[in-house]
Amino acid sequence: MKKIVTTIVIFFLSSVSFADDQERELDKLFLELKKNIPSKSSNIEQQIWLLWSTHPSDEKLTSMLDEGSRLVQDQKLLRAISVFTEAIELDPSWAEAWNKRATVLYMIGEFQKSQNDIDKALELEKRHFGALAGQGLVNIQLQNYEKAIKSYQMAEEIYPAMKSPKLMIKQIEELIKKQSI
C-alpha cells in the first residue's frame, strides 16, 4: 500500500512539475513573441501552439485533441465536437480543448456557443491569440463589430507580427462604413 501511495505522489508531483515547466516555457515564448522579430515569430508561434496542444499531465487527452483535430480535417465536425467535449469534461481547465471546440462550433454556425467556449478559453489562457482572433470572427457574424475590432487589437498586442488582426480590422472598418452609408 505504501508503494502505491508513493507512486501516486511521485506521479502527481511530476505532473505538477511538467505543468509548471510548460507555463514557464510559455511565459518565455510570449516575451520573445512580443519583441516582434518577424524572422522568429512564426517559429515561436508554432512552439506556443505545440505547448497549448499538449496536455500538461495526460497523454490520453493530448491524443484526444489530436483525434478531434483529424476529425475536423476530415469534415466530421459533430464527432469532433464530441471528442473535444469529452476532453473538456475530463479536464475543464485545459484552454486548448475549449478553443478547439469553439472553432468547430463556429464552423457549424453556432456562433454564441462558440463565443461561450472562447470566453472560457480566454479565462484559462488570457494570451490565447488564436481564441482572440476566433472571437473576432464570431463577433463579425454576430454583428458586434466594435467587439470584433477589440479582439483583433488584443491579439495584435500579444502577437504583434500576427497578420490577420491588421487585415481584419481594416475589413471591419470598411464594413462599418458601408453599413453607415
Protein backbone atom coordinates (compact mmCIF):
# COMPACT_ATOMS: atom_id res chain seq x y z
CA MET A 1 0.00 0.00 0.00
CA LYS A 2 2.83 2.38 0.88
CA LYS A 3 4.40 1.72 -2.53
CA ILE A 4 1.15 2.64 -4.30
CA VAL A 5 0.81 5.88 -2.34
CA THR A 6 4.45 6.76 -3.07
CA THR A 7 3.90 6.09 -6.79
CA ILE A 8 0.78 8.30 -6.81
CA VAL A 9 2.62 11.12 -5.00
CA ILE A 10 5.57 10.93 -7.43
CA PHE A 11 3.19 10.94 -10.42
CA PHE A 12 1.30 13.95 -9.03
CA LEU A 13 4.49 15.88 -8.32
CA SER A 14 5.93 15.14 -11.77
CA SER A 15 2.64 16.24 -13.38
CA VAL A 16 2.66 19.47 -11.41
CA SER A 17 6.32 19.99 -12.30
CA PHE A 18 5.64 19.46 -16.02
CA ALA A 19 2.69 21.88 -15.89
CA ASP A 20 4.90 24.46 -14.16
CA ASP A 21 7.67 23.89 -16.74
CA GLN A 22 5.14 24.27 -19.54
CA GLU A 23 3.85 27.55 -18.07
CA ARG A 24 7.40 28.90 -17.65
CA GLU A 25 8.21 27.98 -21.24
CA LEU A 26 5.04 29.72 -22.46
CA ASP A 27 5.99 32.83 -20.47
CA LYS A 28 9.40 32.90 -22.18
CA LEU A 29 7.89 32.37 -25.61
CA PHE A 30 5.36 35.16 -25.14
CA LEU A 31 8.14 37.54 -24.12
CA GLU A 32 10.01 36.64 -27.31
CA LEU A 33 6.84 36.97 -29.40
CA LYS A 34 6.26 40.47 -28.01
CA LYS A 35 9.70 41.57 -29.32
CA ASN A 36 8.15 41.41 -32.79
CA ILE A 37 11.07 39.90 -34.69
CA PRO A 38 9.33 38.71 -37.88
CA SER A 39 12.04 36.15 -38.73
CA LYS A 40 11.43 34.43 -35.38
CA SER A 41 7.68 34.99 -34.84
CA SER A 42 6.40 32.10 -36.92
CA ASN A 43 8.66 29.59 -35.16
CA ILE A 44 7.69 30.97 -31.74
CA GLU A 45 4.01 30.75 -32.69
CA GLN A 46 4.44 27.08 -33.65
CA GLN A 47 6.14 26.35 -30.32
CA ILE A 48 3.27 28.03 -28.45
CA TRP A 49 0.66 26.04 -30.37
CA LEU A 50 2.57 22.83 -29.64
CA LEU A 51 2.59 23.60 -25.91
CA TRP A 52 -1.08 24.58 -25.90
CA SER A 53 -1.97 21.36 -27.75
CA THR A 54 -0.01 19.16 -25.35
CA HIS A 55 -1.85 18.41 -22.14
CA PRO A 56 0.46 19.12 -19.20
CA SER A 57 -0.18 15.82 -17.44
CA ASP A 58 -2.27 13.41 -19.54
CA GLU A 59 -1.08 11.92 -22.84
CA LYS A 60 -4.56 10.49 -23.42
CA LEU A 61 -6.01 13.99 -23.51
CA THR A 62 -3.31 15.12 -25.95
CA SER A 63 -4.25 12.16 -28.16
CA MET A 64 -7.93 13.09 -27.90
CA LEU A 65 -7.17 16.63 -29.04
CA ASP A 66 -5.18 15.23 -31.98
CA GLU A 67 -8.07 12.89 -32.85
CA GLY A 68 -10.57 15.76 -32.74
CA SER A 69 -8.32 17.84 -34.99
CA ARG A 70 -8.13 14.97 -37.51
CA LEU A 71 -11.92 14.72 -37.44
CA VAL A 72 -12.14 18.44 -38.23
CA GLN A 73 -9.77 17.98 -41.19
CA ASP A 74 -12.00 15.12 -42.38
CA GLN A 75 -15.07 17.39 -42.00
CA LYS A 76 -16.56 15.10 -39.33
CA LEU A 77 -17.47 18.14 -37.27
CA LEU A 78 -20.13 16.71 -34.96
CA ARG A 79 -17.83 13.84 -33.99
CA ALA A 80 -15.03 16.36 -33.41
CA ILE A 81 -17.30 18.34 -31.08
CA SER A 82 -17.99 15.15 -29.13
CA VAL A 83 -14.27 14.41 -28.77
CA PHE A 84 -13.47 17.97 -27.66
CA THR A 85 -16.42 17.91 -25.25
CA GLU A 86 -15.11 14.71 -23.69
CA ALA A 87 -11.66 16.28 -23.31
CA ILE A 88 -13.26 19.31 -21.62
CA GLU A 89 -15.22 17.06 -19.27
CA LEU A 90 -12.03 15.19 -18.34
CA ASP A 91 -10.10 18.44 -17.76
CA PRO A 92 -12.17 21.62 -17.77
CA SER A 93 -9.03 23.67 -17.04
CA TRP A 94 -7.39 22.92 -20.41
CA ALA A 95 -7.82 26.06 -22.51
CA GLU A 96 -6.97 24.44 -25.83
CA ALA A 97 -9.80 21.92 -25.59
CA TRP A 98 -12.23 24.84 -25.19
CA ASN A 99 -10.59 26.69 -28.07
CA LYS A 100 -10.78 23.68 -30.40
CA ARG A 101 -14.45 23.14 -29.65
CA ALA A 102 -15.12 26.88 -30.12
CA THR A 103 -13.56 26.63 -33.58
CA VAL A 104 -15.81 23.77 -34.63
CA LEU A 105 -18.89 25.43 -33.18
CA TYR A 106 -18.04 28.47 -35.30
CA MET A 107 -17.67 26.23 -38.36
CA ILE A 108 -21.20 24.83 -37.92
CA GLY A 109 -22.71 28.28 -37.36
CA GLU A 110 -23.21 28.04 -33.59
CA PHE A 111 -21.73 31.49 -33.02
CA GLN A 112 -22.99 32.18 -29.50
CA LYS A 113 -21.90 28.73 -28.29
CA SER A 114 -18.53 29.35 -29.91
CA GLN A 115 -18.29 32.68 -28.08
CA ASN A 116 -19.08 30.95 -24.78
CA ASP A 117 -16.23 28.49 -25.32
CA ILE A 118 -13.88 31.30 -26.36
CA ASP A 119 -14.74 33.12 -23.14
CA LYS A 120 -13.74 30.02 -21.18
CA ALA A 121 -10.52 29.53 -23.19
CA LEU A 122 -9.55 33.16 -22.55
CA GLU A 123 -10.41 32.88 -18.87
CA LEU A 124 -7.91 30.00 -18.69
CA GLU A 125 -5.28 31.48 -21.05
CA LYS A 126 -5.65 35.24 -21.45
CA ARG A 127 -2.80 35.33 -24.01
CA HIS A 128 -4.55 32.97 -26.43
CA PHE A 129 -4.17 34.97 -29.63
CA GLY A 130 -5.92 32.21 -31.58
CA ALA A 131 -9.01 32.43 -29.39
CA LEU A 132 -8.95 36.22 -29.68
CA ALA A 133 -8.80 36.01 -33.48
CA GLY A 134 -11.63 33.47 -33.38
CA GLN A 135 -13.59 35.83 -31.16
CA GLY A 136 -13.14 38.48 -33.84
CA LEU A 137 -14.67 36.17 -36.46
CA VAL A 138 -17.55 35.22 -34.15
CA ASN A 139 -18.35 38.83 -33.42
CA ILE A 140 -18.34 39.73 -37.11
CA GLN A 141 -21.02 37.05 -37.55
CA LEU A 142 -22.93 38.41 -34.53
CA GLN A 143 -22.51 41.93 -35.96
CA ASN A 144 -20.70 43.08 -32.83
CA TYR A 145 -18.15 44.93 -34.91
CA GLU A 146 -16.58 47.01 -32.14
CA LYS A 147 -16.01 43.88 -30.05
CA ALA A 148 -14.51 42.17 -33.10
CA ILE A 149 -12.08 45.06 -33.59
CA LYS A 150 -11.18 45.00 -29.90
CA SER A 151 -10.50 41.23 -30.08
CA TYR A 152 -8.13 41.70 -33.01
CA GLN A 153 -6.40 44.61 -31.27
CA MET A 154 -5.84 42.42 -28.20
CA ALA A 155 -4.47 39.59 -30.37
CA GLU A 156 -2.12 42.04 -32.08
CA GLU A 157 -0.91 43.36 -28.72
CA ILE A 158 0.02 39.82 -27.66
CA TYR A 159 1.40 38.81 -31.07
CA PRO A 160 2.49 41.95 -32.95
CA ALA A 161 3.65 40.09 -36.09
CA MET A 162 0.30 38.29 -36.49
CA LYS A 163 -1.08 39.23 -39.90
CA SER A 164 -4.81 38.67 -39.50
CA PRO A 165 -5.54 41.47 -36.99
CA LYS A 166 -4.40 44.26 -39.32
CA LEU A 167 -6.30 42.79 -42.28
CA MET A 168 -9.45 42.05 -40.34
CA ILE A 169 -9.61 45.41 -38.57
CA LYS A 170 -9.37 47.14 -41.95
CA GLN A 171 -12.14 44.91 -43.40
CA ILE A 172 -14.40 45.50 -40.39
CA GLU A 173 -13.88 49.27 -40.60
CA GLU A 174 -14.83 49.15 -44.31
CA LEU A 175 -17.89 47.07 -43.45
CA ILE A 176 -18.95 49.61 -40.81
CA LYS A 177 -18.52 52.47 -43.35
CA LYS A 178 -20.65 50.65 -45.96
CA GLN A 179 -23.40 49.99 -43.43
CA SER A 180 -23.45 53.63 -42.30
CA ILE A 181 -23.98 54.93 -45.86
